[in-house]
Amino acid sequence: MTTRNNLGEFEEIVMLTIGVLGEEAYGLAIKMEIEKRLERSVSMGALHTGLYRLEEKGYLESRLGEATKVRGGKPKRFFRVTASGQRVLKEAMEDRQKLWKDIPAGVFQLFPKTNG
């Protein structure tokens, strides 16, 4: 049996969103994209905690962009998913696909019949 690195739902969402954003994946852009796509509120504190935790796990890496006057001379920190992060995302996707595939027909009825 292999050991898998489990991702929490929020961690997975953050990593997938970074993939969607590509070269423009920095804190505020990630927050806004998650909120737009999933209609879910995200605090910057929770996002930063998740980003740094994923970086510690080796699933993300970051680099500082150029400092700008708009940000008071503070540079943006851009994130990208590492090869290790891509592997763990692929494992998570495959695990979910196996579960969906193995649900017997009729167990989940998206549109139950009504009387009438």
N, C-alpha and C. Protein backbone atom coordinates (compact mmCIF):
# COMPACT_ATOMS: atom_id res chain seq x y z
N MET A 1 0.85 -1.18 0.00
CA MET A 1 0.00 0.00 0.00
C MET A 1 0.89 1.24 0.00
N THR A 2 0.55 2.20 -0.84
CA THR A 2 1.34 3.43 -0.91
C THR A 2 0.79 4.46 0.06
N THR A 3 1.68 5.32 0.51
CA THR A 3 1.26 6.42 1.37
C THR A 3 0.90 7.60 0.51
N ARG A 4 -0.25 8.15 0.74
CA ARG A 4 -0.70 9.30 -0.03
C ARG A 4 -0.68 10.53 0.86
N ASN A 5 -0.40 11.63 0.25
CA ASN A 5 -0.45 12.91 0.96
C ASN A 5 -1.84 13.47 0.78
N ASN A 6 -2.62 13.43 1.84
CA ASN A 6 -4.00 13.88 1.75
C ASN A 6 -4.07 15.40 1.68
N LEU A 7 -4.92 15.87 0.82
CA LEU A 7 -5.19 17.29 0.70
C LEU A 7 -6.54 17.58 1.30
N GLY A 8 -6.64 18.68 1.99
CA GLY A 8 -7.94 19.15 2.42
C GLY A 8 -8.67 19.77 1.24
N GLU A 9 -9.96 19.91 1.37
CA GLU A 9 -10.75 20.48 0.27
C GLU A 9 -10.26 21.88 -0.09
N PHE A 10 -10.03 22.72 0.90
CA PHE A 10 -9.60 24.08 0.63
C PHE A 10 -8.22 24.10 -0.03
N GLU A 11 -7.32 23.25 0.43
CA GLU A 11 -6.00 23.16 -0.19
C GLU A 11 -6.11 22.78 -1.67
N GLU A 12 -6.96 21.82 -1.94
CA GLU A 12 -7.16 21.39 -3.33
C GLU A 12 -7.72 22.53 -4.18
N ILE A 13 -8.69 23.25 -3.64
CA ILE A 13 -9.29 24.38 -4.37
C ILE A 13 -8.23 25.44 -4.64
N VAL A 14 -7.41 25.74 -3.66
CA VAL A 14 -6.36 26.74 -3.83
C VAL A 14 -5.40 26.31 -4.93
N MET A 15 -4.95 25.07 -4.90
CA MET A 15 -4.00 24.60 -5.90
C MET A 15 -4.61 24.59 -7.30
N LEU A 16 -5.85 24.17 -7.41
CA LEU A 16 -6.51 24.16 -8.72
C LEU A 16 -6.69 25.59 -9.24
N THR A 17 -7.00 26.51 -8.35
CA THR A 17 -7.17 27.91 -8.74
C THR A 17 -5.84 28.50 -9.21
N ILE A 18 -4.77 28.13 -8.57
CA ILE A 18 -3.45 28.57 -9.01
C ILE A 18 -3.19 28.06 -10.43
N GLY A 19 -3.59 26.82 -10.69
CA GLY A 19 -3.46 26.28 -12.04
C GLY A 19 -4.27 27.07 -13.04
N VAL A 20 -5.48 27.46 -12.67
CA VAL A 20 -6.34 28.25 -13.56
C VAL A 20 -5.70 29.61 -13.85
N LEU A 21 -5.14 30.24 -12.84
CA LEU A 21 -4.58 31.58 -12.99
C LEU A 21 -3.22 31.61 -13.67
N GLY A 22 -2.50 30.52 -13.62
CA GLY A 22 -1.19 30.45 -14.25
C GLY A 22 -0.23 31.49 -13.69
N GLU A 23 0.37 32.28 -14.58
CA GLU A 23 1.38 33.26 -14.19
C GLU A 23 0.83 34.40 -13.33
N GLU A 24 -0.49 34.54 -13.25
CA GLU A 24 -1.10 35.63 -12.47
C GLU A 24 -1.60 35.16 -11.11
N ALA A 25 -1.05 34.08 -10.59
CA ALA A 25 -1.53 33.50 -9.32
C ALA A 25 -0.82 34.14 -8.13
N TYR A 26 -1.42 35.21 -7.61
CA TYR A 26 -0.94 35.84 -6.39
C TYR A 26 -2.14 35.95 -5.45
N GLY A 27 -1.89 36.26 -4.19
CA GLY A 27 -2.91 36.21 -3.15
C GLY A 27 -4.28 36.74 -3.51
N LEU A 28 -4.37 38.03 -3.81
CA LEU A 28 -5.68 38.63 -4.07
C LEU A 28 -6.35 38.02 -5.30
N ALA A 29 -5.58 37.74 -6.34
CA ALA A 29 -6.16 37.13 -7.55
C ALA A 29 -6.71 35.74 -7.24
N ILE A 30 -6.01 34.98 -6.42
CA ILE A 30 -6.47 33.63 -6.04
C ILE A 30 -7.77 33.75 -5.26
N LYS A 31 -7.81 34.66 -4.28
CA LYS A 31 -9.01 34.89 -3.47
C LYS A 31 -10.20 35.24 -4.35
N MET A 32 -10.00 36.21 -5.25
CA MET A 32 -11.09 36.67 -6.11
C MET A 32 -11.58 35.57 -7.05
N GLU A 33 -10.66 34.77 -7.57
CA GLU A 33 -11.04 33.70 -8.50
C GLU A 33 -11.86 32.62 -7.78
N ILE A 34 -11.44 32.26 -6.57
CA ILE A 34 -12.20 31.28 -5.79
C ILE A 34 -13.59 31.82 -5.51
N GLU A 35 -13.67 33.05 -5.07
CA GLU A 35 -14.98 33.64 -4.74
C GLU A 35 -15.88 33.72 -5.96
N LYS A 36 -15.31 34.08 -7.10
CA LYS A 36 -16.09 34.19 -8.34
C LYS A 36 -16.59 32.83 -8.81
N ARG A 37 -15.68 31.87 -8.87
CA ARG A 37 -16.03 30.56 -9.43
C ARG A 37 -16.89 29.71 -8.50
N LEU A 38 -16.62 29.77 -7.21
CA LEU A 38 -17.31 28.89 -6.27
C LEU A 38 -18.36 29.61 -5.43
N GLU A 39 -18.48 30.92 -5.64
CA GLU A 39 -19.43 31.72 -4.86
C GLU A 39 -19.27 31.41 -3.37
N ARG A 40 -18.03 31.53 -2.93
CA ARG A 40 -17.66 31.17 -1.57
C ARG A 40 -16.72 32.24 -1.05
N SER A 41 -17.01 32.77 0.13
CA SER A 41 -16.18 33.81 0.72
C SER A 41 -14.87 33.21 1.25
N VAL A 42 -13.77 33.90 1.00
CA VAL A 42 -12.46 33.45 1.45
C VAL A 42 -11.76 34.61 2.14
N SER A 43 -11.31 34.41 3.36
CA SER A 43 -10.56 35.47 4.04
C SER A 43 -9.10 35.40 3.60
N MET A 44 -8.46 36.56 3.56
CA MET A 44 -7.05 36.60 3.17
C MET A 44 -6.20 35.83 4.19
N GLY A 45 -6.59 35.87 5.46
CA GLY A 45 -5.85 35.14 6.48
C GLY A 45 -5.86 33.64 6.23
N ALA A 46 -7.04 33.11 5.95
CA ALA A 46 -7.16 31.67 5.67
C ALA A 46 -6.40 31.31 4.40
N LEU A 47 -6.49 32.17 3.40
CA LEU A 47 -5.79 31.89 2.15
C LEU A 47 -4.29 31.88 2.37
N HIS A 48 -3.75 32.90 3.05
CA HIS A 48 -2.32 32.94 3.29
C HIS A 48 -1.84 31.76 4.12
N THR A 49 -2.62 31.36 5.11
CA THR A 49 -2.27 30.19 5.92
C THR A 49 -2.19 28.96 5.03
N GLY A 50 -3.19 28.78 4.16
CA GLY A 50 -3.20 27.64 3.24
C GLY A 50 -2.05 27.68 2.26
N LEU A 51 -1.77 28.84 1.71
CA LEU A 51 -0.68 28.97 0.73
C LEU A 51 0.66 28.59 1.37
N TYR A 52 0.92 29.10 2.55
CA TYR A 52 2.21 28.83 3.19
C TYR A 52 2.30 27.38 3.66
N ARG A 53 1.17 26.80 4.08
CA ARG A 53 1.17 25.39 4.46
C ARG A 53 1.46 24.51 3.24
N LEU A 54 0.85 24.83 2.11
CA LEU A 54 1.11 24.08 0.88
C LEU A 54 2.55 24.24 0.41
N GLU A 55 3.10 25.42 0.64
CA GLU A 55 4.49 25.64 0.28
C GLU A 55 5.41 24.80 1.18
N GLU A 56 5.10 24.73 2.47
CA GLU A 56 5.88 23.90 3.40
C GLU A 56 5.82 22.42 3.02
N LYS A 57 4.68 21.98 2.52
CA LYS A 57 4.52 20.58 2.10
C LYS A 57 5.25 20.30 0.79
N GLY A 58 5.69 21.34 0.11
CA GLY A 58 6.37 21.18 -1.16
C GLY A 58 5.45 21.12 -2.36
N TYR A 59 4.18 21.47 -2.17
CA TYR A 59 3.20 21.42 -3.26
C TYR A 59 3.14 22.73 -4.04
N LEU A 60 3.62 23.80 -3.43
CA LEU A 60 3.67 25.11 -4.09
C LEU A 60 5.06 25.68 -3.93
N GLU A 61 5.40 26.57 -4.85
CA GLU A 61 6.58 27.40 -4.67
C GLU A 61 6.18 28.81 -5.04
N SER A 62 6.92 29.77 -4.51
CA SER A 62 6.56 31.16 -4.77
C SER A 62 7.79 31.97 -5.14
N ARG A 63 7.50 33.11 -5.75
CA ARG A 63 8.55 34.06 -6.09
C ARG A 63 7.96 35.45 -5.91
N LEU A 64 8.82 36.40 -5.61
CA LEU A 64 8.37 37.78 -5.48
C LEU A 64 8.43 38.47 -6.83
N GLY A 65 7.37 39.23 -7.13
CA GLY A 65 7.35 40.04 -8.34
C GLY A 65 8.03 41.37 -8.07
N GLU A 66 7.87 42.28 -8.99
CA GLU A 66 8.45 43.62 -8.85
C GLU A 66 7.64 44.44 -7.85
N ALA A 67 8.32 45.26 -7.10
CA ALA A 67 7.65 46.20 -6.19
C ALA A 67 6.96 47.27 -7.05
N THR A 68 5.78 47.69 -6.61
CA THR A 68 5.05 48.73 -7.36
C THR A 68 4.62 49.84 -6.41
N LYS A 69 4.48 51.04 -6.95
CA LYS A 69 4.01 52.17 -6.16
C LYS A 69 2.58 51.96 -5.70
N VAL A 70 1.77 51.31 -6.55
CA VAL A 70 0.37 51.06 -6.23
C VAL A 70 0.26 50.26 -4.93
N ARG A 71 1.20 49.37 -4.70
CA ARG A 71 1.19 48.53 -3.50
C ARG A 71 2.11 49.10 -2.41
N GLY A 72 2.42 50.38 -2.50
CA GLY A 72 3.27 51.01 -1.50
C GLY A 72 4.69 50.46 -1.49
N GLY A 73 5.16 50.03 -2.65
CA GLY A 73 6.51 49.50 -2.76
C GLY A 73 6.64 48.02 -2.40
N LYS A 74 5.51 47.41 -2.08
CA LYS A 74 5.52 45.99 -1.69
C LYS A 74 5.31 45.11 -2.93
N PRO A 75 6.14 44.10 -3.14
CA PRO A 75 5.96 43.22 -4.30
C PRO A 75 4.86 42.18 -4.07
N LYS A 76 4.27 41.72 -5.15
CA LYS A 76 3.32 40.60 -5.08
C LYS A 76 4.12 39.31 -4.97
N ARG A 77 3.55 38.33 -4.26
CA ARG A 77 4.14 36.99 -4.19
C ARG A 77 3.32 36.09 -5.11
N PHE A 78 3.97 35.57 -6.15
CA PHE A 78 3.31 34.70 -7.13
C PHE A 78 3.56 33.24 -6.78
N PHE A 79 2.54 32.42 -6.96
CA PHE A 79 2.62 31.00 -6.61
C PHE A 79 2.48 30.14 -7.85
N ARG A 80 3.10 28.97 -7.80
CA ARG A 80 2.90 27.95 -8.83
C ARG A 80 2.90 26.59 -8.17
N VAL A 81 2.19 25.66 -8.79
CA VAL A 81 2.10 24.28 -8.27
C VAL A 81 3.34 23.53 -8.73
N THR A 82 4.01 22.86 -7.79
CA THR A 82 5.22 22.09 -8.11
C THR A 82 4.84 20.74 -8.73
N ALA A 83 5.84 20.02 -9.19
CA ALA A 83 5.61 18.67 -9.73
C ALA A 83 4.98 17.78 -8.66
N SER A 84 5.46 17.89 -7.44
CA SER A 84 4.90 17.12 -6.32
C SER A 84 3.43 17.49 -6.09
N GLY A 85 3.14 18.77 -6.17
CA GLY A 85 1.76 19.24 -6.01
C GLY A 85 0.87 18.73 -7.14
N GLN A 86 1.40 18.70 -8.35
CA GLN A 86 0.63 18.19 -9.48
C GLN A 86 0.32 16.70 -9.30
N ARG A 87 1.30 15.96 -8.76
CA ARG A 87 1.08 14.53 -8.52
C ARG A 87 -0.03 14.31 -7.49
N VAL A 88 0.01 15.06 -6.39
CA VAL A 88 -1.00 14.87 -5.35
C VAL A 88 -2.39 15.30 -5.84
N LEU A 89 -2.46 16.33 -6.68
CA LEU A 89 -3.74 16.72 -7.26
C LEU A 89 -4.29 15.64 -8.18
N LYS A 90 -3.41 15.05 -8.97
CA LYS A 90 -3.82 13.97 -9.87
C LYS A 90 -4.34 12.77 -9.07
N GLU A 91 -3.66 12.43 -7.99
CA GLU A 91 -4.11 11.34 -7.13
C GLU A 91 -5.49 11.64 -6.55
N ALA A 92 -5.69 12.87 -6.09
CA ALA A 92 -6.99 13.25 -5.53
C ALA A 92 -8.09 13.15 -6.58
N MET A 93 -7.80 13.61 -7.80
CA MET A 93 -8.78 13.53 -8.89
C MET A 93 -9.10 12.06 -9.21
N GLU A 94 -8.08 11.22 -9.30
CA GLU A 94 -8.30 9.80 -9.60
C GLU A 94 -9.10 9.11 -8.51
N ASP A 95 -8.82 9.43 -7.25
CA ASP A 95 -9.58 8.85 -6.14
C ASP A 95 -11.05 9.21 -6.25
N ARG A 96 -11.34 10.47 -6.54
CA ARG A 96 -12.74 10.90 -6.67
C ARG A 96 -13.42 10.22 -7.86
N GLN A 97 -12.71 10.12 -8.98
CA GLN A 97 -13.28 9.48 -10.16
C GLN A 97 -13.61 8.03 -9.88
N LYS A 98 -12.75 7.32 -9.15
CA LYS A 98 -13.02 5.92 -8.81
C LYS A 98 -14.28 5.81 -7.96
N LEU A 99 -14.42 6.71 -6.99
CA LEU A 99 -15.61 6.67 -6.15
C LEU A 99 -16.87 6.94 -6.96
N TRP A 100 -16.85 7.97 -7.81
CA TRP A 100 -18.02 8.28 -8.64
C TRP A 100 -18.37 7.10 -9.54
N LYS A 101 -17.36 6.48 -10.13
CA LYS A 101 -17.57 5.36 -11.04
C LYS A 101 -18.22 4.17 -10.33
N ASP A 102 -17.89 3.98 -9.07
CA ASP A 102 -18.37 2.81 -8.34
C ASP A 102 -19.70 3.01 -7.62
N ILE A 103 -20.31 4.16 -7.75
CA ILE A 103 -21.63 4.37 -7.16
C ILE A 103 -22.65 3.65 -8.03
N PRO A 104 -23.41 2.72 -7.43
CA PRO A 104 -24.40 1.98 -8.22
C PRO A 104 -25.46 2.91 -8.83
N ALA A 105 -25.91 2.55 -10.01
CA ALA A 105 -26.94 3.32 -10.70
C ALA A 105 -28.16 3.49 -9.80
N GLY A 106 -28.70 4.68 -9.78
CA GLY A 106 -29.92 4.94 -9.03
C GLY A 106 -29.69 5.35 -7.58
N VAL A 107 -28.48 5.24 -7.08
CA VAL A 107 -28.23 5.62 -5.69
C VAL A 107 -28.41 7.12 -5.49
N PHE A 108 -27.84 7.89 -6.39
CA PHE A 108 -28.03 9.34 -6.35
C PHE A 108 -29.03 9.70 -7.42
N GLN A 109 -30.16 10.16 -7.01
CA GLN A 109 -31.16 10.58 -7.98
C GLN A 109 -31.21 12.09 -8.00
N LEU A 110 -30.65 12.66 -9.04
CA LEU A 110 -30.57 14.10 -9.13
C LEU A 110 -31.94 14.76 -9.27
N PHE A 111 -32.83 14.07 -9.95
CA PHE A 111 -34.17 14.60 -10.16
C PHE A 111 -35.19 13.55 -9.74
N PRO A 112 -35.48 13.49 -8.44
CA PRO A 112 -36.42 12.46 -7.99
C PRO A 112 -37.81 12.65 -8.60
N LYS A 113 -38.48 11.52 -8.82
CA LYS A 113 -39.82 11.57 -9.37
C LYS A 113 -40.76 12.15 -8.35
N THR A 114 -41.74 12.89 -8.83
CA THR A 114 -42.74 13.48 -7.94
C THR A 114 -44.09 12.86 -8.24
N ASN A 115 -44.99 12.90 -7.29
CA ASN A 115 -46.36 12.40 -7.52
C ASN A 115 -47.16 13.52 -8.15
N GLY A 116 -47.39 13.40 -9.42
CA GLY A 116 -48.23 14.43 -10.03
C GLY A 116 -47.80 14.78 -11.32
